[in-house]
Protein backbone atom coordinates (compact mmCIF):
# COMPACT_ATOMS: atom_id res chain seq x y z
CA MET A 1 -0.09 0.12 -0.15
CA LEU A 2 3.18 2.34 0.94
CA THR A 3 4.82 1.56 -2.02
CA GLY A 4 1.71 2.14 -4.52
CA LEU A 5 1.22 5.68 -2.28
CA SER A 6 4.65 6.66 -3.10
CA MET A 7 4.98 6.21 -6.46
CA ILE A 8 1.25 7.83 -6.67
CA GLY A 9 2.69 11.03 -5.25
CA GLY A 10 5.57 10.60 -7.30
CA TYR A 11 3.92 10.89 -10.58
CA VAL A 12 1.94 13.75 -9.28
CA LEU A 13 4.67 15.88 -7.86
CA CYS A 14 6.73 14.91 -11.29
CA ALA A 15 4.23 15.79 -13.66
CA PHE A 16 3.14 19.55 -11.88
CA SER A 17 6.53 20.19 -11.51
CA PHE A 18 7.57 19.19 -15.64
CA SER A 19 4.35 21.71 -16.04
CA LEU A 20 5.13 24.17 -14.40
CA GLN A 21 9.02 24.26 -15.68
CA ASN A 22 7.50 23.93 -19.37
CA GLY A 23 4.33 26.21 -18.61
CA SER A 24 7.05 28.78 -17.07
CA TYR A 25 9.55 28.38 -20.09
CA GLY A 26 6.80 28.55 -22.98
CA ASN A 27 4.88 31.36 -21.08
CA ALA A 28 8.24 33.92 -20.73
CA ILE A 29 8.89 33.22 -24.69
CA ASP A 30 4.98 33.99 -25.93
CA ILE A 31 5.11 37.08 -24.15
CA PHE A 32 8.51 38.30 -25.31
CA THR A 33 7.81 37.02 -28.78
CA LEU A 34 4.28 37.91 -29.17
CA ASP A 35 5.55 41.68 -28.05
CA HIS A 36 7.11 42.29 -31.27
CA THR A 37 9.12 39.53 -32.16
CA GLY A 38 7.30 37.53 -33.95
CA HIS A 39 8.50 33.85 -34.12
CA ILE A 40 10.21 34.08 -37.53
CA GLN A 41 11.44 37.26 -39.16
CA ILE A 42 12.50 37.86 -42.99
CA HIS A 43 14.88 40.68 -44.00
CA LYS A 44 17.15 41.56 -46.85
CA GLU A 45 20.54 40.22 -46.84
CA ASN A 46 21.90 41.27 -43.27
CA TYR A 47 19.67 43.53 -42.32
CA LEU A 48 19.19 42.12 -39.02
CA LYS A 49 22.88 42.89 -38.31
CA ARG A 50 23.14 46.10 -40.27
CA PRO A 51 19.92 48.21 -40.71
CA LYS A 52 20.03 50.39 -43.52
CA ILE A 53 16.81 52.31 -44.94
CA HIS A 54 18.04 51.05 -48.30
CA LYS A 55 17.79 47.38 -47.70
CA THR A 56 14.29 46.55 -48.26
CA ILE A 57 12.34 43.68 -49.45
CA ASN A 58 10.96 44.63 -52.79
CA ASN A 59 8.71 41.16 -53.57
CA ALA A 60 6.38 41.74 -50.47
CA GLU A 61 3.50 40.86 -52.52
CA GLU A 62 4.91 37.52 -53.63
CA ILE A 63 6.51 36.53 -50.25
CA GLY A 64 2.54 37.17 -48.68
CA ARG A 65 1.21 35.17 -51.19
CA LEU A 66 3.79 32.46 -50.47
CA LEU A 67 3.06 33.07 -46.83
CA GLU A 68 -0.59 32.45 -47.02
CA VAL A 69 -0.55 28.88 -48.36
CA GLU A 70 1.73 27.41 -45.57
CA ALA A 71 -0.45 25.59 -42.91
CA ASP A 72 2.08 26.21 -40.40
CA ILE A 73 1.65 29.92 -40.20
CA VAL A 74 -0.96 31.24 -38.11
CA SER A 75 -0.49 34.97 -39.31
CA PHE A 76 2.19 37.27 -40.80
CA SER A 77 2.34 41.21 -41.10
CA ALA A 78 5.00 43.83 -42.70
CA ARG A 79 7.06 46.49 -41.28
CA VAL A 80 9.20 49.17 -42.10
CA PHE A 81 11.53 50.85 -39.34
CA ALA A 82 13.36 54.34 -39.46
CA PRO A 83 15.03 57.34 -37.43
CA ALA A 84 13.51 60.14 -36.95
CA LEU A 85 13.46 63.50 -34.99
CA ALA A 86 10.03 64.27 -33.13
CA TYR A 87 8.94 67.55 -32.65
CA GLY A 88 6.14 68.61 -30.21
CA ASP A 89 4.77 71.80 -29.26
CA ALA A 90 8.22 73.22 -27.61
CA LYS A 91 9.90 70.18 -27.51
CA THR A 92 12.08 67.42 -29.65
CA SER A 93 12.86 64.08 -28.76
CA PRO A 94 14.86 61.74 -31.43
CA ALA A 95 12.16 58.42 -32.16
CA SER A 96 11.85 55.52 -34.16
CA ILE A 97 9.25 55.06 -36.70
CA PHE A 98 7.83 51.96 -36.80
CA GLY A 99 5.69 51.47 -39.99
CA ILE A 100 3.33 48.66 -39.73
CA ASP A 101 -0.15 46.51 -41.39
CA VAL A 102 -3.25 48.25 -39.40
CA GLU A 103 -5.01 45.08 -40.38
CA LYS A 104 -2.43 42.62 -39.56
CA GLU A 105 -0.51 43.49 -37.30
CA PRO A 106 -2.91 43.25 -34.68
CA GLN A 107 -2.51 39.14 -35.51
CA THR A 108 1.14 39.19 -35.29
CA SER A 109 1.71 40.98 -31.65
CA ARG A 110 -0.42 42.25 -28.78
CA ILE A 111 -0.02 46.37 -30.24
CA THR A 112 -4.33 46.87 -29.76
CA GLN A 113 -3.30 45.33 -25.70
CA LYS A 114 -1.01 47.85 -25.40
CA VAL A 115 -2.98 50.32 -25.92
CA GLN A 116 -2.85 52.98 -22.74
CA GLN A 117 -4.92 56.16 -23.74
CA GLY A 118 -7.05 56.83 -26.88
CA GLU A 119 -7.83 54.36 -29.83
CA TYR A 120 -6.15 52.18 -32.15
CA PHE A 121 -5.49 53.59 -35.47
CA SER A 122 -6.85 53.35 -38.89
CA ALA A 123 -4.89 52.94 -42.59
CA SER A 124 -6.81 56.15 -43.75
CA MET A 125 -6.89 59.67 -43.43
CA ASN A 126 -8.96 61.81 -41.05
CA ALA A 127 -11.21 64.70 -42.94
CA ASP A 128 -8.43 66.98 -42.42
CA GLY A 129 -6.06 64.82 -44.35
CA PHE A 130 -3.29 63.83 -41.74
CA TYR A 131 -2.96 60.40 -40.86
CA SER A 132 -3.08 59.03 -37.66
CA ALA A 133 0.25 58.05 -35.33
CA MET A 134 0.11 56.01 -31.72
CA ILE A 135 3.17 57.22 -29.79
CA GLY A 136 5.07 55.17 -27.02
CA GLN A 137 5.00 56.55 -23.25
CA GLY A 138 8.39 57.92 -22.85
CA LEU A 139 7.94 60.20 -26.34
CA ALA A 140 5.02 61.24 -24.92
CA ASN A 141 6.40 62.67 -21.72
CA THR A 142 9.42 64.33 -23.33
CA LEU A 143 7.05 65.89 -25.84
CA LYS A 144 4.72 66.28 -23.03
CA MET A 145 1.55 65.50 -25.60
CA ASN A 146 -1.78 63.97 -25.60
CA VAL A 147 -3.97 61.87 -27.51
CA GLY A 148 -5.74 64.48 -30.19
CA ASP A 149 -2.00 66.50 -30.48
CA GLU A 150 -0.31 67.01 -33.54
CA LEU A 151 3.11 65.32 -34.08
CA VAL A 152 6.27 66.37 -36.52
CA LEU A 153 7.93 64.00 -37.77
CA ILE A 154 11.48 64.49 -39.65
CA SER A 155 13.94 62.00 -41.26
CA GLN A 156 15.58 60.81 -44.43
CA GLY A 157 13.90 59.20 -47.28
CA ALA A 158 15.46 56.06 -48.96
CA ASP A 159 15.75 58.28 -52.42
CA GLY A 160 18.22 60.77 -49.78
CA SER A 161 15.34 63.36 -49.54
CA ILE A 162 14.65 64.81 -46.34
CA ALA A 163 10.92 63.42 -44.83
CA ASN A 164 8.74 65.61 -43.18
CA ASP A 165 5.29 65.63 -42.40
CA ILE A 166 2.29 65.74 -39.68
CA TYR A 167 0.83 62.74 -37.57
CA VAL A 168 -2.34 63.56 -35.33
CA VAL A 169 -1.77 61.50 -32.27
CA SER A 170 -4.87 58.96 -31.97
CA ALA A 171 -2.76 56.70 -28.87
CA ILE A 172 -0.49 56.34 -26.76
CA VAL A 173 0.94 52.41 -26.37
CA GLY A 174 2.99 51.30 -23.65
CA ASN A 175 4.95 52.64 -20.97
CA LYS A 176 8.17 53.80 -19.71
CA THR A 177 10.03 50.59 -19.90
CA SER A 178 8.42 49.18 -23.50
CA HIS A 179 10.94 48.79 -26.24
CA ASP A 180 8.49 50.98 -28.21
CA ARG A 181 8.76 53.64 -25.48
CA GLN A 182 10.67 56.41 -27.74
CA GLY A 183 8.67 54.91 -30.70
CA VAL A 184 5.74 56.25 -33.35
CA TYR A 185 3.54 53.71 -34.74
CA LEU A 186 2.52 54.85 -38.63
CA PRO A 187 -0.07 52.99 -40.89
CA LEU A 188 2.39 50.94 -43.36
CA ALA A 189 1.06 52.72 -46.17
CA ALA A 190 2.07 56.33 -44.52
CA ALA A 191 5.60 55.23 -43.19
CA GLN A 192 6.13 54.07 -46.99
CA GLU A 193 5.55 57.57 -48.16
CA PHE A 194 7.00 59.58 -45.88
CA LEU A 195 10.09 57.34 -46.31
CA SER A 196 10.12 57.05 -49.97
CA LEU A 197 10.23 53.26 -49.57
CA GLY A 198 7.16 52.85 -52.43
CA ASN A 199 5.85 49.08 -51.63
CA ASP A 200 9.24 48.02 -50.12
CA VAL A 201 9.65 46.76 -46.43
CA HIS A 202 12.18 46.40 -44.06
CA GLU A 203 10.69 43.07 -42.18
CA VAL A 204 7.98 40.55 -42.53
CA VAL A 205 7.16 39.17 -39.30
CA ILE A 206 5.70 35.56 -38.65
CA VAL A 207 3.70 33.83 -36.18
CA VAL A 208 3.77 29.84 -36.10
CA ASP A 209 1.11 27.34 -34.97
CA HIS A 210 4.04 26.25 -32.29
CA ARG A 211 7.00 28.07 -31.42
CA ASP A 212 9.40 24.95 -31.06
CA ASP A 213 8.43 24.84 -35.03
CA ALA A 214 9.91 28.08 -35.90
CA ARG A 215 13.80 26.87 -37.00
CA GLY A 216 12.45 24.02 -38.94
CA ILE A 217 9.58 26.11 -40.61
CA ALA A 218 12.22 28.74 -41.23
CA ARG A 219 14.52 26.50 -42.42
CA THR A 220 11.72 25.68 -45.38
CA LEU A 221 11.03 29.08 -45.88
CA GLN A 222 15.05 29.72 -46.67
CA ASP A 223 14.97 27.64 -48.93
CA LYS A 224 12.07 28.53 -50.78
CA MET A 225 13.25 32.43 -50.53
CA PRO A 226 16.48 31.96 -51.21
CA ASP A 227 16.72 36.13 -52.01
CA VAL A 228 16.10 37.03 -48.51
CA THR A 229 16.96 35.99 -45.33
CA VAL A 230 14.88 33.97 -42.70
CA SER A 231 15.70 34.02 -39.61
CA PRO A 232 13.84 32.04 -36.25
CA TRP A 233 13.28 34.33 -33.37
CA GLN A 234 16.32 32.14 -31.30
CA VAL A 235 18.34 33.93 -33.85
CA VAL A 236 16.40 37.15 -33.98
CA GLU A 237 17.02 37.26 -29.89
CA ALA A 238 19.92 35.41 -29.19
CA THR A 239 20.54 36.91 -26.52
CA PHE A 240 17.42 36.30 -24.61
CA PHE A 241 17.41 32.67 -26.11
CA LYS A 242 20.68 32.29 -24.53
CA THR A 243 19.36 33.77 -21.39
CA MET A 244 16.36 31.39 -21.31
CA GLU A 245 18.20 28.29 -21.65
CA ALA A 246 20.48 29.53 -18.99
CA ASP A 247 17.79 29.71 -16.92
CA GLN A 248 16.18 26.05 -17.82
CA GLU A 249 19.31 24.68 -17.30
CA GLY A 250 19.20 25.92 -13.87
CA ASN A 251 15.89 24.88 -13.55
CA TYR A 252 17.30 21.00 -14.46
CA PHE A 253 18.71 21.42 -11.16
CA THR A 254 15.58 21.96 -9.60
CA MET A 255 13.76 18.63 -11.38
CA ALA A 256 16.24 16.40 -10.33
CA ILE A 257 16.30 17.25 -6.46
CA ILE A 258 12.90 16.50 -7.32
CA ILE A 259 13.33 13.57 -9.50
CA PHE A 260 15.54 12.18 -6.15
CA ILE A 261 13.70 12.78 -3.76
CA VAL A 262 10.86 10.66 -5.67
CA PHE A 263 13.60 8.04 -6.35
CA ILE A 264 14.61 7.54 -2.58
CA GLY A 265 10.80 7.40 -1.65
CA VAL A 266 10.26 4.43 -4.04
CA LEU A 267 13.52 2.49 -2.89
CA ASN A 268 12.22 3.10 0.25
CA THR A 269 9.03 2.14 0.59
CA VAL A 270 10.19 -1.33 -2.28
CA LEU A 271 12.70 -1.65 0.24
CA MET A 272 10.49 -1.49 3.45
CA SER A 273 7.91 -3.62 1.15
CA VAL A 274 10.83 -7.02 1.07
CA LEU A 275 11.73 -6.85 4.46
CA GLU A 276 8.27 -6.80 5.91
CA ARG A 277 7.73 -10.13 4.11
CA THR A 278 11.11 -11.77 4.74
CA ARG A 279 9.17 -15.08 6.17
CA GLU A 280 7.13 -15.35 2.82
CA PHE A 281 10.51 -15.03 0.99
CA GLY A 282 12.02 -17.82 3.40
CA VAL A 283 9.14 -20.20 2.64
CA LEU A 284 9.24 -20.09 -1.31
CA ARG A 285 13.50 -20.48 -0.19
CA ALA A 286 12.41 -24.05 1.87
CA ILE A 287 9.91 -25.81 -0.41
CA GLY A 288 12.75 -24.95 -3.34
CA SER A 289 12.07 -21.85 -5.41
CA ARG A 290 15.26 -21.18 -7.05
CA PRO A 291 16.96 -17.27 -6.01
CA ILE A 292 15.87 -16.39 -9.69
CA ASN A 293 12.30 -16.86 -9.50
CA ILE A 294 12.40 -14.84 -6.61
CA VAL A 295 14.31 -11.77 -8.23
CA GLN A 296 11.61 -12.13 -10.99
CA MET A 297 8.43 -11.80 -8.89
CA VAL A 298 9.92 -9.02 -6.65
CA PHE A 299 10.37 -7.29 -10.23
CA LEU A 300 7.04 -8.41 -11.71
CA GLU A 301 5.36 -7.16 -8.71
CA THR A 302 6.79 -3.53 -8.43
CA MET A 303 6.31 -3.07 -12.18
CA LEU A 304 2.97 -3.98 -12.04
CA LEU A 305 2.60 -1.72 -9.07
CA ALA A 306 4.21 0.96 -11.17
CA LEU A 307 2.19 0.97 -13.91
CA ILE A 308 -1.26 1.39 -11.52
CA SER A 309 0.05 3.93 -9.61
CA ILE A 310 0.69 5.48 -13.05
CA GLY A 311 -2.55 5.06 -13.95
CA ILE A 312 -4.38 6.18 -10.69
CA GLY A 313 -1.70 9.38 -10.53
CA MET A 314 -2.26 10.29 -14.34
CA VAL A 315 -6.07 10.58 -13.24
CA LEU A 316 -5.43 12.55 -10.66
CA SER A 317 -3.21 14.76 -11.83
CA LEU A 318 -5.17 15.53 -15.27
CA PRO A 319 -7.71 17.89 -13.71
CA LEU A 320 -4.95 19.61 -11.48
CA ILE A 321 -3.11 20.23 -14.66
CA LEU A 322 -5.98 20.94 -16.90
CA TRP A 323 -6.99 23.65 -14.20
CA PHE A 324 -3.26 25.36 -13.73
CA THR A 325 -2.76 25.00 -18.04
CA GLU A 326 -6.11 27.17 -18.32
CA VAL A 327 -6.79 28.81 -15.13
CA GLY A 328 -3.28 29.41 -13.46
CA PHE A 329 -1.99 30.89 -10.51
CA LEU A 330 -3.06 34.69 -9.58
CA LEU A 331 -0.09 36.73 -8.74
CA ALA A 332 0.40 39.19 -6.04
CA GLU A 333 1.44 41.83 -8.53
CA PRO A 334 1.13 41.50 -12.37
CA ILE A 335 4.26 41.09 -14.34
CA ASP A 336 4.69 43.88 -16.86
CA ALA A 337 6.38 42.49 -20.30
CA GLY A 338 6.83 45.34 -23.13
CA GLY A 339 3.90 47.44 -21.50
CA VAL A 340 1.54 44.22 -21.41
CA ALA A 341 0.05 43.09 -17.85
CA PHE A 342 0.19 39.41 -17.45
CA GLN A 343 -0.80 38.48 -13.86
CA HIS A 344 -0.93 34.25 -14.14
CA LEU A 345 1.17 31.74 -13.72
CA ARG A 346 0.28 28.95 -16.27
CA GLY A 347 1.59 25.26 -16.85
CA GLU A 348 1.94 23.49 -19.92
CA PHE A 349 -0.92 20.76 -20.73
CA SER A 350 1.30 18.23 -23.22
CA ALA A 351 1.85 14.51 -24.11
CA PHE A 352 5.93 15.64 -21.98
CA VAL A 353 4.04 16.51 -18.85
CA PHE A 354 2.28 13.17 -18.56
CA PHE A 355 4.45 10.49 -20.01
CA ALA A 356 7.94 11.68 -18.78
CA PRO A 357 6.91 10.75 -15.28
CA MET A 358 5.43 7.85 -16.46
CA ALA A 359 9.15 6.71 -18.06
CA LEU A 360 10.54 7.71 -14.50
CA ILE A 361 8.25 6.04 -12.48
CA LEU A 362 8.76 3.13 -14.36
CA SER A 363 12.40 3.09 -14.83
CA PHE A 364 12.78 3.86 -10.89
CA ALA A 365 10.12 0.91 -10.19
CA ALA A 366 13.05 -1.40 -12.38
CA VAL A 367 16.18 -0.01 -10.83
CA VAL A 368 14.91 -0.17 -7.17
CA SER A 369 13.14 -3.39 -7.27
CA ILE A 370 16.85 -5.00 -8.06
CA PRO A 371 18.42 -4.57 -4.58
CA PRO A 372 15.34 -5.35 -2.38
CA GLY A 373 14.97 -8.55 -5.18
CA LEU A 374 18.16 -9.72 -4.38
CA ARG A 375 18.41 -9.40 -0.59
CA ALA A 376 15.27 -11.51 -0.43
CA ALA A 377 16.62 -14.18 -3.19
CA ARG A 378 19.93 -14.18 -1.02
CA VAL A 379 18.04 -15.13 2.42
CA LEU A 380 18.77 -18.09 3.73
CA PRO A 381 15.42 -20.02 5.20
CA ARG A 382 16.55 -20.45 8.66
CA ASP A 383 17.13 -17.18 9.44
CA ALA A 384 13.98 -16.02 7.59
CA LEU A 385 11.74 -18.17 9.40
CA GLY A 386 12.90 -17.20 12.77
CA ALA A 387 12.86 -12.99 11.69
CA HIS A 388 9.98 -11.64 13.51
């Protein structure tokens, strides 16, 4: 009975720990990639390392048609970027221009969730002939601007001309720590016109069904589009990826401690079970049972008990992990990620979460059954029958 309870408890503990670790890792990546990076990015040549306004993708429509037929791609959006000088009523500030597809960008990033004041803009001009712009919280504070104010931008066009225009602030996005705190979001067509880019873009960002498939899909797309550079998020944000890998390695140490505790618990209960039945093994030896038969009996008994315990543990952990994945824990204080507040810690519901503990428990059962089995096989009938 104790052996079964130990294995059940070990399975539930391992399953919940795997769900927590993988869920936390996955949530952190989703928060980061869906903020602005996406899972895959397409650029011209080495734009990712050395961005220049003239390094543009001039066949964005063709790339879009190719991406639309890819089953693993959830959404994609084109973008343009440029540095600029922003003017308010009395102050100026350096700014970064982000030209985004008004309709596709909300399906690729959390841009609409980052709107703190005002409303998400449209791609068309207002009645006065001005395009709308959304500005970062840092830029709004520097220029002391609010929704409805006019913003003047000056930059350099791709053809070498001086770009300048007036926009009306429709929203303030993010906060003081967002990556786009000094940013100015413009509708894609407005940004292309402002920078004299025509229909060219600097980047196409892609979101796929599952972040872990990004590398494979990127390789496939690269083969189909040799004239551009296709990079998964692990390359785009290499520093973040290495940090997450280092953090996950630290979590492996914690998991190793948990697994060791489970292993010791299972070993102890199996050994105690054998010690309590010393007389029974003595009787078996006295009537002629071979030592190998006793070892096999202990092994098969332990493995059968492990399978039953895994079944019970899976039934018990299934609703727990499902609740943890869908609802999760509410943190005392929200965590800010690029201007989007997250307050729930959730786990992962996957085959790995359930089958990895199963493999561990079966392996533990197989290993820990050997020492007690050998001990039972070596017992002398005279000593065993005299044991209390």
